[in-house]
Amino acid sequence: MMDPRGLLATFRDYLAAMDAPEVRRFIAGFDLDLPSRQLAAADIPVIERLHSIETGRGDVLLESLLRYAPDLHWARTYTSADFGNHFLQNYGWVEMFGSRGHFVSDEMAGGFLVLGSGIDYPDHHHAAEEIYIPLTDGSLWSKDRGAFTGRNAGEVIHHPSGVNHAMKTKDRLLVALYLWRGGPLSEKPKFQGDTP
């Protein structure tokens, strides 16, 4: 089993190399030298779809994630009762650091989201401020119930606290880095009709 500290180092280096003011502001003062938490590898169906990603384009973080994926503690927030079996089979995340992650932090959470093709992740919101950085091209994103816009690998998508946002995939898999802070790090998102 591979020690996930190598993936955490690549995650840190990827963020440090970004020339994006919103990312620099988001992580300012946060030290990624974190104590580890022993988590068993946990597999979910969407991880099998990672094999469809072409590597060798210099995407160091994505390639590192693909190498470490079998040894990570993958999870899902929802059940098939929430959005159906197709969604459940094509959705998952791994928290690298945070209140449930491979590394312990009460200040910030960060990890990776994976959505298979043909997924509609409905409009939702949460108290935590959030940044997403897609590592794959072709996903569609909506903010404040606006129109869906195509996003490419490396773009920074910022969701302030409480702002509604949604994602869609068509014929391509989405892998995205995420960062959460400023709210409960394990809060389940709220959807239209949920009580505040």
N, C-alpha and C. Protein backbone atom coordinates (compact mmCIF):
# COMPACT_ATOMS: atom_id res chain seq x y z
N MET A 1 0.84 -1.19 0.00
CA MET A 1 0.00 0.00 0.00
C MET A 1 0.88 1.25 0.00
N MET A 2 0.55 2.18 -0.89
CA MET A 2 1.36 3.40 -1.00
C MET A 2 0.97 4.40 0.08
N ASP A 3 1.98 5.06 0.64
CA ASP A 3 1.76 6.10 1.64
C ASP A 3 1.22 7.35 0.92
N PRO A 4 0.04 7.86 1.31
CA PRO A 4 -0.54 9.00 0.58
C PRO A 4 0.20 10.31 0.78
N ARG A 5 1.26 10.31 1.61
CA ARG A 5 2.00 11.56 1.81
C ARG A 5 2.62 12.05 0.49
N GLY A 6 2.97 11.13 -0.40
CA GLY A 6 3.50 11.54 -1.71
C GLY A 6 2.46 12.29 -2.54
N LEU A 7 1.22 11.82 -2.50
CA LEU A 7 0.14 12.51 -3.21
C LEU A 7 -0.14 13.86 -2.56
N LEU A 8 -0.10 13.93 -1.23
CA LEU A 8 -0.29 15.20 -0.54
C LEU A 8 0.78 16.20 -0.95
N ALA A 9 2.02 15.76 -1.09
CA ALA A 9 3.11 16.65 -1.51
C ALA A 9 2.86 17.18 -2.92
N THR A 10 2.38 16.32 -3.81
CA THR A 10 2.08 16.75 -5.18
C THR A 10 0.92 17.73 -5.19
N PHE A 11 -0.09 17.49 -4.36
CA PHE A 11 -1.23 18.38 -4.18
C PHE A 11 -0.74 19.77 -3.75
N ARG A 12 0.14 19.79 -2.73
CA ARG A 12 0.69 21.04 -2.22
C ARG A 12 1.48 21.78 -3.30
N ASP A 13 2.33 21.05 -4.04
CA ASP A 13 3.15 21.67 -5.07
C ASP A 13 2.29 22.23 -6.20
N TYR A 14 1.21 21.53 -6.54
CA TYR A 14 0.30 21.99 -7.58
C TYR A 14 -0.31 23.34 -7.18
N LEU A 15 -0.80 23.44 -5.94
CA LEU A 15 -1.38 24.69 -5.47
C LEU A 15 -0.34 25.81 -5.40
N ALA A 16 0.85 25.49 -4.93
CA ALA A 16 1.91 26.50 -4.79
C ALA A 16 2.32 27.07 -6.14
N ALA A 17 2.22 26.27 -7.20
CA ALA A 17 2.63 26.72 -8.53
C ALA A 17 1.55 27.52 -9.26
N MET A 18 0.35 27.55 -8.72
CA MET A 18 -0.75 28.24 -9.39
C MET A 18 -0.60 29.75 -9.28
N ASP A 19 -0.78 30.42 -10.42
CA ASP A 19 -0.74 31.88 -10.44
C ASP A 19 -2.18 32.38 -10.43
N ALA A 20 -2.87 32.15 -9.32
CA ALA A 20 -4.28 32.52 -9.19
C ALA A 20 -4.48 33.20 -7.84
N PRO A 21 -4.81 34.50 -7.83
CA PRO A 21 -4.95 35.22 -6.56
C PRO A 21 -5.96 34.59 -5.61
N GLU A 22 -7.08 34.05 -6.14
CA GLU A 22 -8.08 33.48 -5.25
C GLU A 22 -7.58 32.22 -4.56
N VAL A 23 -6.69 31.46 -5.22
CA VAL A 23 -6.11 30.27 -4.59
C VAL A 23 -5.09 30.70 -3.54
N ARG A 24 -4.24 31.67 -3.89
CA ARG A 24 -3.25 32.15 -2.92
C ARG A 24 -3.93 32.69 -1.67
N ARG A 25 -5.01 33.45 -1.84
CA ARG A 25 -5.75 33.99 -0.70
C ARG A 25 -6.37 32.87 0.13
N PHE A 26 -6.93 31.89 -0.56
CA PHE A 26 -7.64 30.80 0.11
C PHE A 26 -6.71 29.99 1.01
N ILE A 27 -5.49 29.73 0.55
CA ILE A 27 -4.58 28.86 1.29
C ILE A 27 -3.53 29.62 2.10
N ALA A 28 -3.59 30.95 2.07
CA ALA A 28 -2.59 31.76 2.78
C ALA A 28 -2.51 31.35 4.25
N GLY A 29 -1.31 31.06 4.70
CA GLY A 29 -1.08 30.71 6.10
C GLY A 29 -1.42 29.27 6.48
N PHE A 30 -1.94 28.50 5.52
CA PHE A 30 -2.30 27.11 5.83
C PHE A 30 -1.10 26.21 5.58
N ASP A 31 -0.72 25.43 6.58
CA ASP A 31 0.45 24.56 6.49
C ASP A 31 -0.01 23.14 6.17
N LEU A 32 0.44 22.61 5.04
CA LEU A 32 0.06 21.26 4.63
C LEU A 32 0.96 20.18 5.21
N ASP A 33 1.78 20.54 6.18
CA ASP A 33 2.55 19.54 6.92
C ASP A 33 1.66 19.07 8.06
N LEU A 34 0.83 18.06 7.78
CA LEU A 34 -0.25 17.64 8.67
C LEU A 34 -0.02 16.24 9.21
N PRO A 35 -0.53 15.97 10.41
CA PRO A 35 -0.43 14.59 10.94
C PRO A 35 -1.33 13.65 10.13
N SER A 36 -0.88 12.42 9.99
CA SER A 36 -1.65 11.46 9.19
C SER A 36 -2.71 10.78 10.04
N ARG A 37 -3.72 10.28 9.35
CA ARG A 37 -4.80 9.51 9.98
C ARG A 37 -4.82 8.16 9.26
N GLN A 38 -4.86 7.08 10.00
CA GLN A 38 -4.87 5.75 9.39
C GLN A 38 -6.26 5.44 8.84
N LEU A 39 -6.36 5.37 7.53
CA LEU A 39 -7.62 5.03 6.86
C LEU A 39 -7.38 3.86 5.92
N ALA A 40 -8.27 2.92 5.96
CA ALA A 40 -8.17 1.77 5.05
C ALA A 40 -8.59 2.20 3.65
N ALA A 41 -8.01 1.56 2.66
CA ALA A 41 -8.44 1.80 1.28
C ALA A 41 -9.91 1.42 1.16
N ALA A 42 -10.68 2.24 0.46
CA ALA A 42 -12.11 1.97 0.24
C ALA A 42 -12.40 2.28 -1.22
N ASP A 43 -12.89 1.30 -1.93
CA ASP A 43 -13.14 1.41 -3.36
C ASP A 43 -14.62 1.68 -3.60
N ILE A 44 -14.92 2.46 -4.63
CA ILE A 44 -16.30 2.68 -5.06
C ILE A 44 -16.32 2.58 -6.59
N PRO A 45 -17.48 2.32 -7.19
CA PRO A 45 -17.52 2.03 -8.63
C PRO A 45 -16.92 3.08 -9.55
N VAL A 46 -17.11 4.37 -9.25
CA VAL A 46 -16.64 5.41 -10.17
C VAL A 46 -15.12 5.38 -10.33
N ILE A 47 -14.40 4.84 -9.37
CA ILE A 47 -12.94 4.82 -9.45
C ILE A 47 -12.45 3.97 -10.62
N GLU A 48 -13.23 2.96 -10.98
CA GLU A 48 -12.88 2.15 -12.17
C GLU A 48 -12.84 3.00 -13.43
N ARG A 49 -13.63 4.06 -13.46
CA ARG A 49 -13.68 4.92 -14.65
C ARG A 49 -12.42 5.77 -14.81
N LEU A 50 -11.62 5.87 -13.74
CA LEU A 50 -10.37 6.62 -13.84
C LEU A 50 -9.42 6.00 -14.87
N HIS A 51 -9.59 4.70 -15.13
CA HIS A 51 -8.72 4.03 -16.11
C HIS A 51 -8.90 4.58 -17.52
N SER A 52 -10.02 5.26 -17.76
CA SER A 52 -10.29 5.81 -19.09
C SER A 52 -9.52 7.10 -19.36
N ILE A 53 -8.90 7.68 -18.34
CA ILE A 53 -8.19 8.94 -18.51
C ILE A 53 -6.85 8.71 -19.19
N GLU A 54 -6.60 9.48 -20.23
CA GLU A 54 -5.30 9.42 -20.91
C GLU A 54 -4.30 10.23 -20.11
N THR A 55 -3.15 9.65 -19.84
CA THR A 55 -2.10 10.36 -19.11
C THR A 55 -0.92 10.61 -20.05
N GLY A 56 0.11 11.21 -19.49
CA GLY A 56 1.30 11.49 -20.29
C GLY A 56 1.32 12.87 -20.89
N ARG A 57 0.37 13.74 -20.47
CA ARG A 57 0.34 15.11 -20.99
C ARG A 57 1.00 16.09 -20.03
N GLY A 58 1.70 15.57 -19.04
CA GLY A 58 2.35 16.44 -18.06
C GLY A 58 1.45 16.85 -16.91
N ASP A 59 0.31 16.19 -16.77
CA ASP A 59 -0.61 16.49 -15.67
C ASP A 59 -0.13 15.72 -14.43
N VAL A 60 0.87 16.28 -13.76
CA VAL A 60 1.54 15.58 -12.67
C VAL A 60 0.57 15.21 -11.54
N LEU A 61 -0.31 16.14 -11.16
CA LEU A 61 -1.23 15.86 -10.06
C LEU A 61 -2.23 14.77 -10.46
N LEU A 62 -2.79 14.87 -11.64
CA LEU A 62 -3.75 13.85 -12.10
C LEU A 62 -3.08 12.49 -12.20
N GLU A 63 -1.88 12.44 -12.75
CA GLU A 63 -1.16 11.17 -12.87
C GLU A 63 -0.84 10.59 -11.49
N SER A 64 -0.50 11.45 -10.54
CA SER A 64 -0.23 10.99 -9.18
C SER A 64 -1.50 10.43 -8.55
N LEU A 65 -2.63 11.11 -8.73
CA LEU A 65 -3.90 10.61 -8.20
C LEU A 65 -4.23 9.24 -8.78
N LEU A 66 -4.02 9.04 -10.07
CA LEU A 66 -4.31 7.75 -10.69
C LEU A 66 -3.45 6.63 -10.09
N ARG A 67 -2.20 6.93 -9.78
CA ARG A 67 -1.31 5.94 -9.17
C ARG A 67 -1.77 5.57 -7.75
N TYR A 68 -2.18 6.58 -6.99
CA TYR A 68 -2.55 6.37 -5.59
C TYR A 68 -3.99 5.89 -5.41
N ALA A 69 -4.84 6.06 -6.41
CA ALA A 69 -6.29 5.83 -6.27
C ALA A 69 -6.66 4.51 -5.59
N PRO A 70 -6.03 3.37 -5.94
CA PRO A 70 -6.44 2.11 -5.30
C PRO A 70 -6.19 2.05 -3.79
N ASP A 71 -5.31 2.91 -3.28
CA ASP A 71 -4.94 2.87 -1.86
C ASP A 71 -5.64 3.95 -1.03
N LEU A 72 -6.55 4.70 -1.65
CA LEU A 72 -7.19 5.81 -0.95
C LEU A 72 -8.56 5.41 -0.39
N HIS A 73 -9.02 6.19 0.57
CA HIS A 73 -10.30 5.95 1.24
C HIS A 73 -11.39 6.77 0.53
N TRP A 74 -11.95 6.20 -0.55
CA TRP A 74 -12.98 6.86 -1.34
C TRP A 74 -14.32 6.81 -0.62
N ALA A 75 -15.15 7.83 -0.80
CA ALA A 75 -16.43 7.90 -0.09
C ALA A 75 -17.49 8.54 -0.97
N ARG A 76 -18.73 8.44 -0.50
CA ARG A 76 -19.87 9.09 -1.14
C ARG A 76 -20.74 9.70 -0.05
N THR A 77 -21.27 10.86 -0.31
CA THR A 77 -22.13 11.56 0.63
C THR A 77 -23.57 11.08 0.54
N TYR A 78 -23.96 10.60 -0.64
CA TYR A 78 -25.36 10.31 -0.93
C TYR A 78 -25.59 8.81 -1.08
N THR A 79 -26.86 8.46 -1.20
CA THR A 79 -27.28 7.09 -1.48
C THR A 79 -28.10 7.11 -2.77
N SER A 80 -28.47 5.93 -3.26
CA SER A 80 -29.29 5.89 -4.48
C SER A 80 -30.66 6.51 -4.24
N ALA A 81 -31.12 6.57 -2.99
CA ALA A 81 -32.41 7.22 -2.69
C ALA A 81 -32.36 8.72 -2.94
N ASP A 82 -31.17 9.32 -2.88
CA ASP A 82 -31.04 10.76 -3.11
C ASP A 82 -31.17 11.13 -4.58
N PHE A 83 -30.37 10.51 -5.44
CA PHE A 83 -30.33 10.90 -6.86
C PHE A 83 -30.38 9.72 -7.82
N GLY A 84 -30.61 8.52 -7.34
CA GLY A 84 -30.70 7.36 -8.21
C GLY A 84 -29.39 6.58 -8.29
N ASN A 85 -29.50 5.37 -8.82
CA ASN A 85 -28.36 4.47 -8.89
C ASN A 85 -27.30 4.93 -9.88
N HIS A 86 -27.71 5.51 -11.03
CA HIS A 86 -26.73 5.98 -12.01
C HIS A 86 -25.80 7.02 -11.38
N PHE A 87 -26.38 7.97 -10.64
CA PHE A 87 -25.55 8.97 -9.97
C PHE A 87 -24.60 8.30 -8.99
N LEU A 88 -25.13 7.41 -8.16
CA LEU A 88 -24.33 6.77 -7.13
C LEU A 88 -23.15 5.99 -7.72
N GLN A 89 -23.36 5.33 -8.85
CA GLN A 89 -22.30 4.55 -9.48
C GLN A 89 -21.25 5.42 -10.17
N ASN A 90 -21.56 6.70 -10.35
CA ASN A 90 -20.69 7.61 -11.11
C ASN A 90 -20.28 8.83 -10.30
N TYR A 91 -20.19 8.66 -8.99
CA TYR A 91 -19.88 9.79 -8.11
C TYR A 91 -19.04 9.30 -6.93
N GLY A 92 -18.09 10.12 -6.52
CA GLY A 92 -17.32 9.83 -5.33
C GLY A 92 -16.27 10.89 -5.07
N TRP A 93 -15.69 10.84 -3.90
CA TRP A 93 -14.65 11.79 -3.52
C TRP A 93 -13.69 11.14 -2.54
N VAL A 94 -12.52 11.73 -2.45
CA VAL A 94 -11.57 11.33 -1.44
C VAL A 94 -11.05 12.61 -0.79
N GLU A 95 -11.08 12.62 0.54
CA GLU A 95 -10.57 13.77 1.28
C GLU A 95 -9.12 13.49 1.65
N MET A 96 -8.22 14.29 1.09
CA MET A 96 -6.81 14.15 1.43
C MET A 96 -6.53 14.66 2.83
N PHE A 97 -7.13 15.82 3.17
CA PHE A 97 -6.96 16.37 4.51
C PHE A 97 -8.26 17.03 4.94
N GLY A 98 -8.50 17.02 6.24
CA GLY A 98 -9.73 17.58 6.78
C GLY A 98 -10.17 16.77 7.99
N SER A 99 -11.44 16.89 8.32
CA SER A 99 -11.95 16.20 9.51
C SER A 99 -12.14 14.70 9.29
N ARG A 100 -12.12 14.24 8.01
CA ARG A 100 -12.29 12.81 7.70
C ARG A 100 -11.18 12.26 6.82
N GLY A 101 -10.20 13.09 6.47
CA GLY A 101 -9.23 12.74 5.45
C GLY A 101 -8.05 11.92 5.92
N HIS A 102 -7.18 11.62 4.95
CA HIS A 102 -5.96 10.87 5.24
C HIS A 102 -5.01 11.66 6.14
N PHE A 103 -5.19 12.99 6.16
CA PHE A 103 -4.39 13.86 7.02
C PHE A 103 -5.34 14.77 7.80
N VAL A 104 -4.96 15.09 9.03
CA VAL A 104 -5.86 15.74 9.97
C VAL A 104 -5.78 17.26 9.87
N SER A 105 -6.93 17.90 9.66
CA SER A 105 -7.03 19.36 9.72
C SER A 105 -8.44 19.73 10.16
N ASP A 106 -8.54 20.64 11.11
CA ASP A 106 -9.83 21.19 11.51
C ASP A 106 -10.07 22.54 10.85
N GLU A 107 -9.06 23.04 10.11
CA GLU A 107 -9.11 24.37 9.52
C GLU A 107 -9.58 24.35 8.07
N MET A 108 -9.17 23.33 7.32
CA MET A 108 -9.48 23.28 5.89
C MET A 108 -9.56 21.82 5.46
N ALA A 109 -10.40 21.57 4.46
CA ALA A 109 -10.47 20.25 3.85
C ALA A 109 -10.09 20.37 2.39
N GLY A 110 -9.48 19.34 1.87
CA GLY A 110 -9.10 19.33 0.46
C GLY A 110 -9.00 17.91 -0.05
N GLY A 111 -9.33 17.72 -1.29
CA GLY A 111 -9.26 16.40 -1.88
C GLY A 111 -9.66 16.42 -3.34
N PHE A 112 -10.29 15.34 -3.78
CA PHE A 112 -10.66 15.18 -5.18
C PHE A 112 -12.10 14.69 -5.31
N LEU A 113 -12.81 15.26 -6.25
CA LEU A 113 -14.15 14.83 -6.63
C LEU A 113 -14.05 14.13 -7.97
N VAL A 114 -14.78 13.03 -8.13
CA VAL A 114 -14.87 12.33 -9.43
C VAL A 114 -16.34 12.17 -9.79
N LEU A 115 -16.69 12.61 -11.01
CA LEU A 115 -18.02 12.39 -11.57
C LEU A 115 -17.86 11.69 -12.92
N GLY A 116 -18.56 10.59 -13.09
CA GLY A 116 -18.55 9.91 -14.37
C GLY A 116 -19.31 10.69 -15.42
N SER A 117 -19.40 10.17 -16.62
CA SER A 117 -20.11 10.85 -17.69
C SER A 117 -21.62 10.78 -17.47
N GLY A 118 -22.33 11.78 -18.01
CA GLY A 118 -23.78 11.81 -17.94
C GLY A 118 -24.34 12.07 -16.56
N ILE A 119 -23.65 12.87 -15.76
CA ILE A 119 -24.08 13.15 -14.39
C ILE A 119 -24.55 14.60 -14.25
N ASP A 120 -25.64 14.77 -13.54
CA ASP A 120 -26.18 16.09 -13.20
C ASP A 120 -26.13 16.19 -11.68
N TYR A 121 -25.17 16.94 -11.15
CA TYR A 121 -25.04 17.16 -9.71
C TYR A 121 -25.88 18.41 -9.42
N PRO A 122 -27.05 18.25 -8.81
CA PRO A 122 -28.01 19.35 -8.71
C PRO A 122 -27.51 20.55 -7.92
N ASP A 123 -28.21 21.67 -8.14
CA ASP A 123 -27.93 22.91 -7.44
C ASP A 123 -27.92 22.68 -5.94
N HIS A 124 -26.86 23.11 -5.28
CA HIS A 124 -26.72 22.92 -3.84
C HIS A 124 -25.87 24.05 -3.25
N HIS A 125 -25.83 24.11 -1.94
CA HIS A 125 -25.02 25.12 -1.26
C HIS A 125 -24.62 24.58 0.12
N HIS A 126 -23.65 25.26 0.72
CA HIS A 126 -23.16 24.88 2.05
C HIS A 126 -22.48 26.08 2.67
N ALA A 127 -22.29 26.01 3.97
CA ALA A 127 -21.68 27.13 4.70
C ALA A 127 -20.22 27.34 4.31
N ALA A 128 -19.51 26.27 4.02
CA ALA A 128 -18.08 26.39 3.70
C ALA A 128 -17.87 27.13 2.37
N GLU A 129 -16.87 27.97 2.35
CA GLU A 129 -16.38 28.56 1.10
C GLU A 129 -15.61 27.46 0.38
N GLU A 130 -15.66 27.49 -0.94
CA GLU A 130 -15.12 26.35 -1.69
C GLU A 130 -14.40 26.82 -2.95
N ILE A 131 -13.33 26.11 -3.28
CA ILE A 131 -12.66 26.26 -4.57
C ILE A 131 -12.61 24.89 -5.23
N TYR A 132 -12.93 24.86 -6.51
CA TYR A 132 -12.73 23.67 -7.34
C TYR A 132 -11.74 24.03 -8.44
N ILE A 133 -10.90 23.08 -8.78
CA ILE A 133 -10.01 23.21 -9.94
C ILE A 133 -10.13 21.92 -10.73
N PRO A 134 -10.86 21.93 -11.86
CA PRO A 134 -10.95 20.71 -12.66
C PRO A 134 -9.56 20.27 -13.13
N LEU A 135 -9.33 18.98 -13.11
CA LEU A 135 -8.09 18.41 -13.64
C LEU A 135 -8.32 17.76 -15.00
N THR A 136 -9.58 17.74 -15.42
CA THR A 136 -9.97 17.22 -16.74
C THR A 136 -10.83 18.27 -17.43
N ASP A 137 -10.87 18.22 -18.75
CA ASP A 137 -11.65 19.17 -19.55
C ASP A 137 -13.09 18.70 -19.71
N GLY A 138 -13.97 19.65 -20.08
CA GLY A 138 -15.28 19.29 -20.59
C GLY A 138 -16.44 19.31 -19.64
N SER A 139 -16.26 19.68 -18.38
CA SER A 139 -17.39 19.72 -17.45
C SER A 139 -18.12 21.06 -17.57
N LEU A 140 -19.37 21.08 -17.10
CA LEU A 140 -20.21 22.28 -17.13
C LEU A 140 -20.53 22.68 -15.70
N TRP A 141 -20.47 23.98 -15.43
CA TRP A 141 -20.65 24.49 -14.07
C TRP A 141 -21.62 25.66 -14.07
N SER A 142 -22.47 25.73 -13.04
CA SER A 142 -23.42 26.82 -12.86
C SER A 142 -23.21 27.41 -11.47
N LYS A 143 -23.37 28.72 -11.36
CA LYS A 143 -23.21 29.42 -10.08
C LYS A 143 -24.36 30.41 -9.94
N ASP A 144 -24.91 30.50 -8.75
CA ASP A 144 -26.03 31.41 -8.49
C ASP A 144 -27.21 31.16 -9.43
N ARG A 145 -27.43 29.88 -9.75
CA ARG A 145 -28.51 29.45 -10.64
C ARG A 145 -28.41 30.07 -12.03
N GLY A 146 -27.18 30.43 -12.43
CA GLY A 146 -26.95 30.97 -13.76
C GLY A 146 -26.82 29.87 -14.80
N ALA A 147 -26.54 30.27 -16.02
CA ALA A 147 -26.37 29.31 -17.12
C ALA A 147 -25.14 28.45 -16.87
N PHE A 148 -25.17 27.22 -17.39
CA PHE A 148 -24.02 26.32 -17.30
C PHE A 148 -22.95 26.78 -18.28
N THR A 149 -21.71 26.77 -17.80
CA THR A 149 -20.57 27.21 -18.60
C THR A 149 -19.53 26.10 -18.62
N GLY A 150 -18.96 25.83 -19.79
CA GLY A 150 -17.90 24.83 -19.91
C GLY A 150 -16.64 25.30 -19.21
N ARG A 151 -16.00 24.38 -18.51
CA ARG A 151 -14.75 24.68 -17.80
C ARG A 151 -13.69 23.66 -18.20
N ASN A 152 -12.46 24.13 -18.26
CA ASN A 152 -11.33 23.27 -18.66
C ASN A 152 -10.40 23.03 -17.49
N ALA A 153 -9.51 22.08 -17.67
CA ALA A 153 -8.53 21.75 -16.65
C ALA A 153 -7.73 22.98 -16.27
N GLY A 154 -7.53 23.17 -14.97
CA GLY A 154 -6.71 24.26 -14.47
C GLY A 154 -7.47 25.54 -14.16
N GLU A 155 -8.74 25.63 -14.56
CA GLU A 155 -9.53 26.82 -14.24
C GLU A 155 -9.91 26.80 -12.76
N VAL A 156 -9.93 27.97 -12.14
CA VAL A 156 -10.30 28.08 -10.73
C VAL A 156 -11.77 28.49 -10.66
N ILE A 157 -12.55 27.70 -9.90
CA ILE A 157 -13.98 27.97 -9.73
C ILE A 157 -14.21 28.22 -8.24
N HIS A 158 -14.63 29.42 -7.91
CA HIS A 158 -14.79 29.82 -6.51
C HIS A 158 -16.27 29.93 -6.15
N HIS A 159 -16.66 29.29 -5.05
CA HIS A 159 -18.02 29.38 -4.53
C HIS A 159 -17.96 29.97 -3.13
N PRO A 160 -18.38 31.22 -2.96
CA PRO A 160 -18.44 31.78 -1.60
C PRO A 160 -19.44 31.02 -0.74
N SER A 161 -19.38 31.23 0.54
CA SER A 161 -20.28 30.58 1.49
C SER A 161 -21.73 30.81 1.09
N GLY A 162 -22.52 29.73 1.08
CA GLY A 162 -23.95 29.82 0.83
C GLY A 162 -24.38 30.00 -0.60
N VAL A 163 -23.45 30.10 -1.54
CA VAL A 163 -23.80 30.33 -2.94
C VAL A 163 -24.20 29.01 -3.60
N ASN A 164 -25.32 29.01 -4.31
CA ASN A 164 -25.77 27.82 -5.03
C ASN A 164 -24.85 27.54 -6.21
N HIS A 165 -24.59 26.26 -6.44
CA HIS A 165 -23.77 25.85 -7.58
C HIS A 165 -24.15 24.43 -7.99
N ALA A 166 -23.88 24.10 -9.23
CA ALA A 166 -24.22 22.79 -9.78
C ALA A 166 -23.18 22.42 -10.82
N MET A 167 -23.06 21.12 -11.10
CA MET A 167 -22.11 20.62 -12.10
C MET A 167 -22.80 19.59 -12.98
N LYS A 168 -22.33 19.50 -14.23
CA LYS A 168 -22.83 18.47 -15.15
C LYS A 168 -21.65 17.91 -15.94
N THR A 169 -21.76 16.64 -16.25
CA THR A 169 -20.82 16.03 -17.20
C THR A 169 -21.64 15.49 -18.36
N LYS A 170 -21.03 15.48 -19.52
CA LYS A 170 -21.69 14.91 -20.69
C LYS A 170 -21.02 13.59 -21.02
N ASP A 171 -20.10 13.60 -21.98
CA ASP A 171 -19.47 12.33 -22.39
C ASP A 171 -18.09 12.13 -21.80
N ARG A 172 -17.69 13.00 -20.86
CA ARG A 172 -16.35 12.89 -20.27
C ARG A 172 -16.43 12.86 -18.76
N LEU A 173 -15.46 12.20 -18.18
CA LEU A 173 -15.31 12.11 -16.74
C LEU A 173 -14.77 13.43 -16.20
N LEU A 174 -15.24 13.83 -15.02
CA LEU A 174 -14.69 14.99 -14.33
C LEU A 174 -13.87 14.51 -13.14
N VAL A 175 -12.65 15.00 -13.05
CA VAL A 175 -11.84 14.88 -11.84
C VAL A 175 -11.48 16.31 -11.47
N ALA A 176 -11.78 16.68 -10.22
CA ALA A 176 -11.50 18.04 -9.78
C ALA A 176 -10.90 18.05 -8.39
N LEU A 177 -9.93 18.90 -8.19
CA LEU A 177 -9.39 19.18 -6.86
C LEU A 177 -10.39 20.10 -6.16
N TYR A 178 -10.60 19.90 -4.86
CA TYR A 178 -11.46 20.82 -4.12
C TYR A 178 -10.79 21.26 -2.83
N LEU A 179 -11.19 22.45 -2.37
CA LEU A 179 -10.77 23.00 -1.08
C LEU A 179 -12.00 23.57 -0.39
N TRP A 180 -12.16 23.29 0.89
CA TRP A 180 -13.27 23.82 1.72
C TRP A 180 -12.69 24.49 2.93
N ARG A 181 -13.29 25.63 3.34
CA ARG A 181 -12.91 26.27 4.60
C ARG A 181 -14.04 27.19 5.07
N GLY A 182 -14.00 27.54 6.35
CA GLY A 182 -14.93 28.53 6.87
C GLY A 182 -16.31 28.00 7.19
N GLY A 183 -16.45 26.72 7.32
CA GLY A 183 -17.73 26.12 7.69
C GLY A 183 -17.47 24.72 8.18
N PRO A 184 -18.50 23.99 8.59
CA PRO A 184 -18.29 22.61 9.02
C PRO A 184 -17.67 21.79 7.89
N LEU A 185 -16.53 21.17 8.14
CA LEU A 185 -15.80 20.49 7.08
C LEU A 185 -16.45 19.20 6.62
N SER A 186 -17.42 18.70 7.36
CA SER A 186 -18.10 17.47 6.93
C SER A 186 -19.60 17.70 6.73
N GLU A 187 -19.99 18.96 6.52
CA GLU A 187 -21.40 19.29 6.32
C GLU A 187 -21.92 18.70 5.01
N LYS A 188 -23.10 18.10 5.07
CA LYS A 188 -23.75 17.61 3.86
C LYS A 188 -24.38 18.81 3.15
N PRO A 189 -24.17 18.95 1.83
CA PRO A 189 -24.77 20.09 1.11
C PRO A 189 -26.29 20.12 1.24
N LYS A 190 -26.83 21.32 1.11
CA LYS A 190 -28.27 21.51 1.15
C LYS A 190 -28.78 21.78 -0.28
N PHE A 191 -29.97 21.29 -0.55
CA PHE A 191 -30.58 21.42 -1.87
C PHE A 191 -31.87 22.23 -1.77
N GLN A 192 -32.40 22.66 -2.91
CA GLN A 192 -33.64 23.42 -2.91
C GLN A 192 -34.70 22.63 -2.15
N GLY A 193 -35.40 23.31 -1.25
CA GLY A 193 -36.41 22.66 -0.44
C GLY A 193 -35.89 22.21 0.92
N ASP A 194 -34.54 22.13 1.07
CA ASP A 194 -33.99 21.81 2.39
C ASP A 194 -34.18 23.01 3.31
N THR A 195 -34.41 22.75 4.57
CA THR A 195 -34.52 23.85 5.52
C THR A 195 -33.13 24.40 5.82
N PRO A 196 -33.03 25.72 6.04
CA PRO A 196 -31.70 26.33 6.30
C PRO A 196 -31.08 25.84 7.58
